[in-house]
Amino acid sequence: MRTIMRTTMTFAVALILLLGQACNTKKEKKQENMASNPSEEAIFPKGELGLAKNFTGNAYNYGLVANDSIYNTLVGNVYFEKSARSNWHLHPSGQILIVLDGEGYHQLEGQPRQLMKKGDVIKVPANTRHWHGATENKSLTQMYILPKTENGFVTWLEPVTDEQYTSKN
């Protein structure tokens, strides 16, 4: 009887150690995947790759609220890979940006480039030339809100140069 109990206890301890190791390996693998692909932890899907004529680098758009005649508002999510950015552009009724993850820059024409981080809310005034995108070292996930869409959506302009992107002025 003692031999059976010892064997059972040894087996139980071995099983617990084996399960513990398996859980740690799974946790390490998940952390490794999240580090290499931050969008795995994203709130929204990555979306469709933005047009190269409107962005430098890869930016992905995922629509959240389609425009309609009741709300006259367009809402979406954009994921910018490191160093990706929009061209200069403007919105007839302005734009609200909400940073969900990562770090990025935004700049209103004539003002210094600003750093934006998770939790920041940026209000871009109507018809103001501006750009936004990820920093050189981190990706950026942001939600955008376009109000009063009956006035129009966006006018795309020229690309942001590398000098403008890296300038702090």
N, C-alpha and C. Protein backbone atom coordinates (compact mmCIF):
# COMPACT_ATOMS: atom_id res chain seq x y z
N MET A 1 0.83 -1.20 0.00
CA MET A 1 0.00 0.00 0.00
C MET A 1 0.87 1.26 0.00
N ARG A 2 1.94 1.26 0.83
CA ARG A 2 2.83 2.43 0.86
C ARG A 2 3.50 2.64 -0.48
N THR A 3 3.86 1.59 -1.16
CA THR A 3 4.50 1.70 -2.46
C THR A 3 3.54 2.34 -3.46
N ILE A 4 2.28 1.97 -3.42
CA ILE A 4 1.28 2.55 -4.31
C ILE A 4 1.11 4.03 -4.00
N MET A 5 1.07 4.41 -2.71
CA MET A 5 0.91 5.82 -2.33
C MET A 5 2.13 6.63 -2.76
N ARG A 6 3.34 6.09 -2.57
CA ARG A 6 4.55 6.79 -2.98
C ARG A 6 4.56 6.99 -4.50
N THR A 7 4.20 5.96 -5.22
CA THR A 7 4.16 6.04 -6.68
C THR A 7 3.14 7.08 -7.12
N THR A 8 1.97 7.08 -6.47
CA THR A 8 0.92 8.04 -6.80
C THR A 8 1.38 9.46 -6.50
N MET A 9 2.00 9.66 -5.35
CA MET A 9 2.50 11.00 -4.96
C MET A 9 3.58 11.47 -5.93
N THR A 10 4.51 10.58 -6.28
CA THR A 10 5.58 10.93 -7.20
C THR A 10 4.99 11.33 -8.56
N PHE A 11 4.01 10.55 -9.01
CA PHE A 11 3.34 10.84 -10.27
C PHE A 11 2.63 12.20 -10.21
N ALA A 12 1.94 12.48 -9.11
CA ALA A 12 1.21 13.74 -8.94
C ALA A 12 2.16 14.93 -8.96
N VAL A 13 3.28 14.82 -8.25
CA VAL A 13 4.26 15.91 -8.21
C VAL A 13 4.84 16.13 -9.62
N ALA A 14 5.18 15.04 -10.29
CA ALA A 14 5.73 15.15 -11.65
C ALA A 14 4.73 15.81 -12.59
N LEU A 15 3.46 15.44 -12.46
CA LEU A 15 2.42 16.02 -13.30
C LEU A 15 2.27 17.52 -13.03
N ILE A 16 2.28 17.91 -11.77
CA ILE A 16 2.18 19.33 -11.42
C ILE A 16 3.35 20.11 -11.99
N LEU A 17 4.57 19.57 -11.87
CA LEU A 17 5.75 20.25 -12.42
C LEU A 17 5.66 20.37 -13.94
N LEU A 18 5.20 19.31 -14.60
CA LEU A 18 5.07 19.31 -16.04
C LEU A 18 4.02 20.34 -16.50
N LEU A 19 2.88 20.39 -15.83
CA LEU A 19 1.84 21.38 -16.17
C LEU A 19 2.32 22.80 -15.94
N GLY A 20 3.04 23.01 -14.85
CA GLY A 20 3.58 24.34 -14.56
C GLY A 20 4.53 24.80 -15.65
N GLN A 21 5.40 23.89 -16.11
CA GLN A 21 6.34 24.22 -17.18
C GLN A 21 5.59 24.53 -18.48
N ALA A 22 4.55 23.77 -18.79
CA ALA A 22 3.76 23.99 -20.00
C ALA A 22 3.09 25.36 -19.96
N CYS A 23 2.55 25.74 -18.81
CA CYS A 23 1.90 27.05 -18.67
C CYS A 23 2.91 28.17 -18.87
N ASN A 24 4.10 28.04 -18.29
CA ASN A 24 5.13 29.07 -18.45
C ASN A 24 5.55 29.20 -19.90
N THR A 25 5.71 28.06 -20.60
CA THR A 25 6.10 28.09 -22.01
C THR A 25 5.03 28.79 -22.84
N LYS A 26 3.75 28.50 -22.57
CA LYS A 26 2.66 29.13 -23.30
C LYS A 26 2.64 30.64 -23.05
N LYS A 27 2.85 31.06 -21.79
CA LYS A 27 2.87 32.48 -21.44
C LYS A 27 4.03 33.19 -22.14
N GLU A 28 5.23 32.55 -22.13
CA GLU A 28 6.39 33.15 -22.79
C GLU A 28 6.15 33.28 -24.29
N LYS A 29 5.53 32.27 -24.90
CA LYS A 29 5.24 32.30 -26.34
C LYS A 29 4.27 33.44 -26.65
N LYS A 30 3.23 33.64 -25.81
CA LYS A 30 2.26 34.71 -26.03
C LYS A 30 2.95 36.07 -25.92
N GLN A 31 3.83 36.25 -24.90
CA GLN A 31 4.54 37.51 -24.75
C GLN A 31 5.45 37.77 -25.95
N GLU A 32 6.09 36.70 -26.46
CA GLU A 32 6.95 36.83 -27.62
C GLU A 32 6.14 37.26 -28.84
N ASN A 33 4.97 36.66 -29.05
CA ASN A 33 4.12 37.01 -30.17
C ASN A 33 3.63 38.44 -30.07
N MET A 34 3.24 38.89 -28.87
CA MET A 34 2.75 40.25 -28.70
C MET A 34 3.86 41.26 -28.96
N ALA A 35 5.09 40.93 -28.56
CA ALA A 35 6.21 41.84 -28.79
C ALA A 35 6.49 42.00 -30.27
N SER A 36 6.37 40.89 -31.05
CA SER A 36 6.66 40.97 -32.47
C SER A 36 5.47 41.47 -33.28
N ASN A 37 4.26 41.35 -32.74
CA ASN A 37 3.06 41.79 -33.46
C ASN A 37 2.09 42.43 -32.48
N PRO A 38 2.26 43.74 -32.20
CA PRO A 38 1.41 44.39 -31.21
C PRO A 38 -0.07 44.36 -31.55
N SER A 39 -0.43 44.19 -32.82
CA SER A 39 -1.84 44.20 -33.18
C SER A 39 -2.58 42.96 -32.69
N GLU A 40 -1.84 41.93 -32.19
CA GLU A 40 -2.51 40.75 -31.66
C GLU A 40 -3.32 41.09 -30.41
N GLU A 41 -2.95 42.15 -29.72
CA GLU A 41 -3.65 42.56 -28.53
C GLU A 41 -4.59 43.74 -28.84
N ALA A 42 -4.73 44.06 -30.10
CA ALA A 42 -5.51 45.22 -30.51
C ALA A 42 -6.99 45.05 -30.20
N ILE A 43 -7.64 46.17 -29.97
CA ILE A 43 -9.08 46.18 -29.71
C ILE A 43 -9.84 45.86 -30.99
N PHE A 44 -9.39 46.44 -32.12
CA PHE A 44 -10.07 46.29 -33.40
C PHE A 44 -9.15 45.56 -34.38
N PRO A 45 -9.71 44.96 -35.42
CA PRO A 45 -8.88 44.34 -36.46
C PRO A 45 -7.96 45.37 -37.11
N LYS A 46 -6.89 44.90 -37.70
CA LYS A 46 -5.91 45.77 -38.34
C LYS A 46 -6.53 46.58 -39.47
N GLY A 47 -7.37 45.98 -40.26
CA GLY A 47 -8.05 46.71 -41.33
C GLY A 47 -7.33 46.62 -42.66
N GLU A 48 -7.71 47.51 -43.56
CA GLU A 48 -7.19 47.53 -44.93
C GLU A 48 -6.01 48.49 -45.03
N LEU A 49 -5.01 48.08 -45.79
CA LEU A 49 -3.83 48.92 -46.01
C LEU A 49 -4.25 50.21 -46.71
N GLY A 50 -3.80 51.34 -46.15
CA GLY A 50 -4.11 52.65 -46.74
C GLY A 50 -3.40 52.84 -48.07
N LEU A 51 -3.93 53.73 -48.89
CA LEU A 51 -3.34 53.99 -50.20
C LEU A 51 -1.96 54.63 -50.07
N ALA A 52 -1.01 54.13 -50.84
CA ALA A 52 0.36 54.64 -50.80
C ALA A 52 0.41 56.12 -51.19
N LYS A 53 -0.54 56.60 -51.96
CA LYS A 53 -0.53 58.02 -52.36
C LYS A 53 -0.91 58.93 -51.19
N ASN A 54 -1.48 58.38 -50.09
CA ASN A 54 -1.89 59.18 -48.93
C ASN A 54 -1.04 58.96 -47.68
N PHE A 55 -0.15 57.96 -47.72
CA PHE A 55 0.64 57.61 -46.54
C PHE A 55 2.08 57.29 -46.93
N THR A 56 3.00 57.58 -46.00
CA THR A 56 4.37 57.11 -46.10
C THR A 56 4.47 55.95 -45.13
N GLY A 57 4.86 54.78 -45.60
CA GLY A 57 4.88 53.59 -44.75
C GLY A 57 3.50 52.94 -44.74
N ASN A 58 3.35 51.94 -43.88
CA ASN A 58 2.10 51.18 -43.85
C ASN A 58 1.16 51.67 -42.75
N ALA A 59 -0.03 52.04 -43.16
CA ALA A 59 -1.09 52.45 -42.25
C ALA A 59 -2.34 51.67 -42.65
N TYR A 60 -3.04 51.13 -41.66
CA TYR A 60 -4.20 50.28 -41.92
C TYR A 60 -5.45 50.91 -41.31
N ASN A 61 -6.53 50.97 -42.08
CA ASN A 61 -7.77 51.59 -41.64
C ASN A 61 -8.85 50.53 -41.43
N TYR A 62 -9.57 50.67 -40.32
CA TYR A 62 -10.71 49.81 -40.04
C TYR A 62 -11.90 50.70 -39.66
N GLY A 63 -12.93 50.70 -40.49
CA GLY A 63 -14.11 51.53 -40.23
C GLY A 63 -14.92 51.00 -39.06
N LEU A 64 -15.36 51.89 -38.19
CA LEU A 64 -16.15 51.51 -37.02
C LEU A 64 -17.60 51.99 -37.12
N VAL A 65 -17.79 53.23 -37.56
CA VAL A 65 -19.14 53.79 -37.71
C VAL A 65 -19.21 54.40 -39.10
N ALA A 66 -20.05 53.83 -39.94
CA ALA A 66 -20.20 54.34 -41.30
C ALA A 66 -21.00 55.64 -41.27
N ASN A 67 -20.69 56.51 -42.19
CA ASN A 67 -21.41 57.77 -42.30
C ASN A 67 -22.87 57.50 -42.69
N ASP A 68 -23.76 58.27 -42.12
CA ASP A 68 -25.17 58.20 -42.52
C ASP A 68 -25.81 59.57 -42.33
N SER A 69 -27.05 59.71 -42.76
CA SER A 69 -27.72 61.02 -42.71
C SER A 69 -28.29 61.34 -41.34
N ILE A 70 -28.22 60.42 -40.40
CA ILE A 70 -28.71 60.69 -39.04
C ILE A 70 -27.61 61.28 -38.17
N TYR A 71 -26.47 60.58 -38.11
CA TYR A 71 -25.38 61.03 -37.23
C TYR A 71 -24.38 61.94 -37.94
N ASN A 72 -24.26 61.82 -39.26
CA ASN A 72 -23.31 62.63 -40.02
C ASN A 72 -21.92 62.62 -39.38
N THR A 73 -21.49 61.42 -39.00
CA THR A 73 -20.19 61.25 -38.34
C THR A 73 -19.55 59.98 -38.89
N LEU A 74 -18.26 60.02 -39.08
CA LEU A 74 -17.50 58.87 -39.54
C LEU A 74 -16.47 58.55 -38.46
N VAL A 75 -16.39 57.27 -38.04
CA VAL A 75 -15.46 56.86 -37.00
C VAL A 75 -14.69 55.64 -37.48
N GLY A 76 -13.40 55.63 -37.23
CA GLY A 76 -12.58 54.49 -37.62
C GLY A 76 -11.34 54.38 -36.76
N ASN A 77 -10.60 53.33 -37.02
CA ASN A 77 -9.37 53.03 -36.31
C ASN A 77 -8.24 52.93 -37.32
N VAL A 78 -7.10 53.52 -37.02
CA VAL A 78 -5.93 53.40 -37.90
C VAL A 78 -4.78 52.85 -37.10
N TYR A 79 -4.13 51.84 -37.66
CA TYR A 79 -2.90 51.28 -37.09
C TYR A 79 -1.74 51.70 -38.00
N PHE A 80 -0.79 52.46 -37.44
CA PHE A 80 0.40 52.90 -38.16
C PHE A 80 1.58 52.04 -37.72
N GLU A 81 2.28 51.43 -38.66
CA GLU A 81 3.53 50.76 -38.32
C GLU A 81 4.57 51.81 -37.96
N LYS A 82 5.68 51.40 -37.33
CA LYS A 82 6.75 52.34 -36.98
C LYS A 82 7.10 53.22 -38.17
N SER A 83 7.25 54.50 -37.93
CA SER A 83 7.63 55.53 -38.92
C SER A 83 6.58 55.82 -39.98
N ALA A 84 5.46 55.11 -39.98
CA ALA A 84 4.40 55.40 -40.96
C ALA A 84 3.67 56.68 -40.57
N ARG A 85 3.22 57.41 -41.58
CA ARG A 85 2.53 58.67 -41.33
C ARG A 85 1.62 59.02 -42.49
N SER A 86 0.65 59.87 -42.19
CA SER A 86 -0.25 60.36 -43.24
C SER A 86 0.45 61.47 -44.01
N ASN A 87 -0.10 61.78 -45.17
CA ASN A 87 0.27 63.01 -45.87
C ASN A 87 -0.34 64.18 -45.10
N TRP A 88 0.07 65.38 -45.47
CA TRP A 88 -0.64 66.56 -45.01
C TRP A 88 -2.07 66.43 -45.53
N HIS A 89 -3.03 66.83 -44.74
CA HIS A 89 -4.43 66.78 -45.17
C HIS A 89 -5.25 67.71 -44.30
N LEU A 90 -6.52 67.89 -44.68
CA LEU A 90 -7.42 68.71 -43.87
C LEU A 90 -8.82 68.12 -43.93
N HIS A 91 -9.61 68.46 -42.93
CA HIS A 91 -11.00 68.00 -42.83
C HIS A 91 -11.89 69.24 -42.73
N PRO A 92 -12.92 69.35 -43.56
CA PRO A 92 -13.78 70.53 -43.56
C PRO A 92 -14.43 70.84 -42.21
N SER A 93 -14.68 69.81 -41.39
CA SER A 93 -15.30 70.03 -40.08
C SER A 93 -14.39 69.63 -38.93
N GLY A 94 -13.11 69.46 -39.20
CA GLY A 94 -12.17 69.08 -38.16
C GLY A 94 -12.11 67.57 -37.94
N GLN A 95 -11.32 67.19 -36.96
CA GLN A 95 -11.11 65.78 -36.66
C GLN A 95 -10.73 65.63 -35.20
N ILE A 96 -11.17 64.54 -34.60
CA ILE A 96 -10.76 64.19 -33.24
C ILE A 96 -9.99 62.89 -33.33
N LEU A 97 -8.80 62.86 -32.72
CA LEU A 97 -7.97 61.65 -32.65
C LEU A 97 -7.92 61.18 -31.21
N ILE A 98 -8.07 59.88 -30.99
CA ILE A 98 -7.95 59.28 -29.66
C ILE A 98 -6.90 58.19 -29.77
N VAL A 99 -5.79 58.34 -29.04
CA VAL A 99 -4.71 57.37 -29.11
C VAL A 99 -5.03 56.18 -28.22
N LEU A 100 -5.12 55.00 -28.85
CA LEU A 100 -5.46 53.77 -28.12
C LEU A 100 -4.23 53.00 -27.67
N ASP A 101 -3.13 53.11 -28.44
CA ASP A 101 -1.92 52.36 -28.09
C ASP A 101 -0.73 52.93 -28.84
N GLY A 102 0.44 52.76 -28.26
CA GLY A 102 1.68 53.17 -28.91
C GLY A 102 1.98 54.64 -28.74
N GLU A 103 2.83 55.13 -29.63
CA GLU A 103 3.23 56.54 -29.62
C GLU A 103 3.25 57.07 -31.04
N GLY A 104 2.93 58.33 -31.17
CA GLY A 104 2.96 58.94 -32.49
C GLY A 104 3.21 60.43 -32.41
N TYR A 105 3.22 61.03 -33.56
CA TYR A 105 3.36 62.48 -33.69
C TYR A 105 2.13 63.01 -34.41
N HIS A 106 1.80 64.26 -34.12
CA HIS A 106 0.83 64.98 -34.94
C HIS A 106 1.34 66.41 -35.03
N GLN A 107 1.00 67.05 -36.11
CA GLN A 107 1.45 68.42 -36.31
C GLN A 107 0.40 69.20 -37.07
N LEU A 108 0.07 70.36 -36.53
CA LEU A 108 -0.77 71.33 -37.23
C LEU A 108 0.18 72.26 -37.97
N GLU A 109 -0.14 72.61 -39.19
CA GLU A 109 0.75 73.47 -39.97
C GLU A 109 1.07 74.75 -39.21
N GLY A 110 2.36 75.11 -39.21
CA GLY A 110 2.80 76.34 -38.54
C GLY A 110 3.10 76.16 -37.06
N GLN A 111 2.86 74.97 -36.53
CA GLN A 111 3.13 74.69 -35.12
C GLN A 111 4.16 73.56 -35.01
N PRO A 112 4.82 73.43 -33.86
CA PRO A 112 5.78 72.34 -33.69
C PRO A 112 5.08 70.97 -33.69
N ARG A 113 5.82 69.96 -34.10
CA ARG A 113 5.35 68.58 -34.03
C ARG A 113 5.14 68.22 -32.56
N GLN A 114 4.05 67.50 -32.27
CA GLN A 114 3.71 67.11 -30.90
C GLN A 114 3.75 65.59 -30.76
N LEU A 115 4.23 65.12 -29.63
CA LEU A 115 4.19 63.69 -29.31
C LEU A 115 2.81 63.35 -28.79
N MET A 116 2.27 62.22 -29.20
CA MET A 116 0.99 61.76 -28.64
C MET A 116 1.16 60.32 -28.18
N LYS A 117 0.53 60.01 -27.04
CA LYS A 117 0.65 58.70 -26.41
C LYS A 117 -0.72 58.17 -26.03
N LYS A 118 -0.74 56.91 -25.68
CA LYS A 118 -1.96 56.22 -25.27
C LYS A 118 -2.76 57.08 -24.29
N GLY A 119 -4.03 57.27 -24.61
CA GLY A 119 -4.91 58.06 -23.76
C GLY A 119 -5.06 59.51 -24.18
N ASP A 120 -4.20 59.99 -25.07
CA ASP A 120 -4.29 61.37 -25.52
C ASP A 120 -5.48 61.56 -26.46
N VAL A 121 -6.08 62.74 -26.38
CA VAL A 121 -7.17 63.13 -27.27
C VAL A 121 -6.75 64.44 -27.94
N ILE A 122 -6.75 64.44 -29.26
CA ILE A 122 -6.32 65.60 -30.02
C ILE A 122 -7.48 66.11 -30.85
N LYS A 123 -7.76 67.41 -30.76
CA LYS A 123 -8.81 68.03 -31.57
C LYS A 123 -8.12 68.87 -32.65
N VAL A 124 -8.39 68.52 -33.89
CA VAL A 124 -7.85 69.25 -35.02
C VAL A 124 -8.95 70.17 -35.54
N PRO A 125 -8.71 71.49 -35.56
CA PRO A 125 -9.74 72.43 -36.02
C PRO A 125 -10.11 72.22 -37.50
N ALA A 126 -11.28 72.68 -37.87
CA ALA A 126 -11.76 72.58 -39.25
C ALA A 126 -10.80 73.26 -40.22
N ASN A 127 -10.64 72.63 -41.38
CA ASN A 127 -9.82 73.16 -42.47
C ASN A 127 -8.40 73.51 -42.07
N THR A 128 -7.83 72.76 -41.13
CA THR A 128 -6.45 72.98 -40.69
C THR A 128 -5.55 71.91 -41.27
N ARG A 129 -4.54 72.33 -42.03
CA ARG A 129 -3.57 71.36 -42.58
C ARG A 129 -2.84 70.70 -41.42
N HIS A 130 -2.76 69.37 -41.48
CA HIS A 130 -2.08 68.63 -40.42
C HIS A 130 -1.67 67.25 -40.92
N TRP A 131 -0.88 66.56 -40.12
CA TRP A 131 -0.53 65.17 -40.39
C TRP A 131 -0.39 64.46 -39.05
N HIS A 132 -0.40 63.13 -39.08
CA HIS A 132 -0.18 62.33 -37.88
C HIS A 132 0.31 60.96 -38.28
N GLY A 133 1.02 60.30 -37.35
CA GLY A 133 1.55 58.97 -37.61
C GLY A 133 2.37 58.46 -36.44
N ALA A 134 2.99 57.31 -36.61
CA ALA A 134 3.76 56.64 -35.56
C ALA A 134 5.15 57.28 -35.41
N THR A 135 5.76 57.04 -34.26
CA THR A 135 7.15 57.46 -34.06
C THR A 135 8.07 56.47 -34.77
N GLU A 136 9.36 56.79 -34.78
CA GLU A 136 10.35 55.93 -35.41
C GLU A 136 10.49 54.58 -34.69
N ASN A 137 10.19 54.56 -33.40
CA ASN A 137 10.46 53.37 -32.58
C ASN A 137 9.24 52.59 -32.14
N LYS A 138 8.06 53.17 -32.30
CA LYS A 138 6.84 52.50 -31.85
C LYS A 138 5.72 52.65 -32.87
N SER A 139 4.88 51.64 -32.93
CA SER A 139 3.68 51.73 -33.77
C SER A 139 2.64 52.58 -33.04
N LEU A 140 1.57 52.90 -33.73
CA LEU A 140 0.53 53.76 -33.18
C LEU A 140 -0.84 53.21 -33.58
N THR A 141 -1.74 53.13 -32.63
CA THR A 141 -3.13 52.82 -32.93
C THR A 141 -3.97 53.99 -32.46
N GLN A 142 -4.75 54.55 -33.38
CA GLN A 142 -5.56 55.72 -33.05
C GLN A 142 -6.96 55.56 -33.62
N MET A 143 -7.92 56.12 -32.92
CA MET A 143 -9.28 56.20 -33.42
C MET A 143 -9.46 57.62 -33.97
N TYR A 144 -10.18 57.74 -35.07
CA TYR A 144 -10.48 59.06 -35.61
C TYR A 144 -11.99 59.26 -35.66
N ILE A 145 -12.39 60.49 -35.44
CA ILE A 145 -13.80 60.87 -35.52
C ILE A 145 -13.90 62.08 -36.44
N LEU A 146 -14.71 61.94 -37.49
CA LEU A 146 -14.97 63.05 -38.41
C LEU A 146 -16.41 63.48 -38.22
N PRO A 147 -16.63 64.66 -37.62
CA PRO A 147 -18.00 65.14 -37.41
C PRO A 147 -18.53 65.90 -38.62
N LYS A 148 -19.82 66.15 -38.64
CA LYS A 148 -20.46 66.98 -39.66
C LYS A 148 -20.02 66.61 -41.07
N THR A 149 -20.12 65.33 -41.38
CA THR A 149 -19.64 64.85 -42.67
C THR A 149 -20.41 65.41 -43.86
N GLU A 150 -21.53 66.04 -43.60
CA GLU A 150 -22.25 66.68 -44.71
C GLU A 150 -21.39 67.77 -45.36
N ASN A 151 -20.33 68.24 -44.63
CA ASN A 151 -19.41 69.24 -45.16
C ASN A 151 -18.28 68.62 -45.97
N GLY A 152 -18.17 67.29 -45.95
CA GLY A 152 -17.08 66.59 -46.63
C GLY A 152 -16.25 65.80 -45.64
N PHE A 153 -15.29 65.03 -46.18
CA PHE A 153 -14.49 64.14 -45.34
C PHE A 153 -13.05 64.60 -45.19
N VAL A 154 -12.31 64.57 -46.28
CA VAL A 154 -10.87 64.86 -46.22
C VAL A 154 -10.39 65.35 -47.57
N THR A 155 -9.42 66.25 -47.53
CA THR A 155 -8.69 66.67 -48.72
C THR A 155 -7.24 66.27 -48.50
N TRP A 156 -6.76 65.31 -49.30
CA TRP A 156 -5.38 64.85 -49.18
C TRP A 156 -4.46 65.79 -49.91
N LEU A 157 -3.31 66.06 -49.31
CA LEU A 157 -2.32 66.98 -49.87
C LEU A 157 -0.99 66.24 -50.06
N GLU A 158 0.10 66.98 -50.07
CA GLU A 158 1.41 66.40 -50.36
C GLU A 158 1.95 65.57 -49.18
N PRO A 159 2.89 64.66 -49.47
CA PRO A 159 3.50 63.86 -48.41
C PRO A 159 4.29 64.72 -47.42
N VAL A 160 4.38 64.25 -46.20
CA VAL A 160 5.23 64.86 -45.18
C VAL A 160 6.65 64.41 -45.49
N THR A 161 7.56 65.36 -45.65
CA THR A 161 8.94 64.99 -45.97
C THR A 161 9.62 64.38 -44.74
N ASP A 162 10.72 63.68 -44.98
CA ASP A 162 11.49 63.12 -43.86
C ASP A 162 11.98 64.24 -42.93
N GLU A 163 12.35 65.38 -43.52
CA GLU A 163 12.81 66.52 -42.72
C GLU A 163 11.68 67.05 -41.83
N GLN A 164 10.47 67.17 -42.37
CA GLN A 164 9.32 67.61 -41.56
C GLN A 164 9.00 66.59 -40.47
N TYR A 165 9.06 65.32 -40.82
CA TYR A 165 8.74 64.24 -39.87
C TYR A 165 9.69 64.23 -38.67
N THR A 166 10.98 64.46 -38.92
CA THR A 166 11.96 64.40 -37.83
C THR A 166 12.19 65.74 -37.14
N SER A 167 11.66 66.83 -37.71
CA SER A 167 11.86 68.16 -37.12
C SER A 167 10.99 68.35 -35.88
N LYS A 168 11.55 68.97 -34.87
CA LYS A 168 10.80 69.25 -33.66
C LYS A 168 10.12 70.63 -33.72
N ASN A 169 10.33 71.36 -34.82
CA ASN A 169 9.72 72.69 -35.00
C ASN A 169 8.59 72.66 -36.00
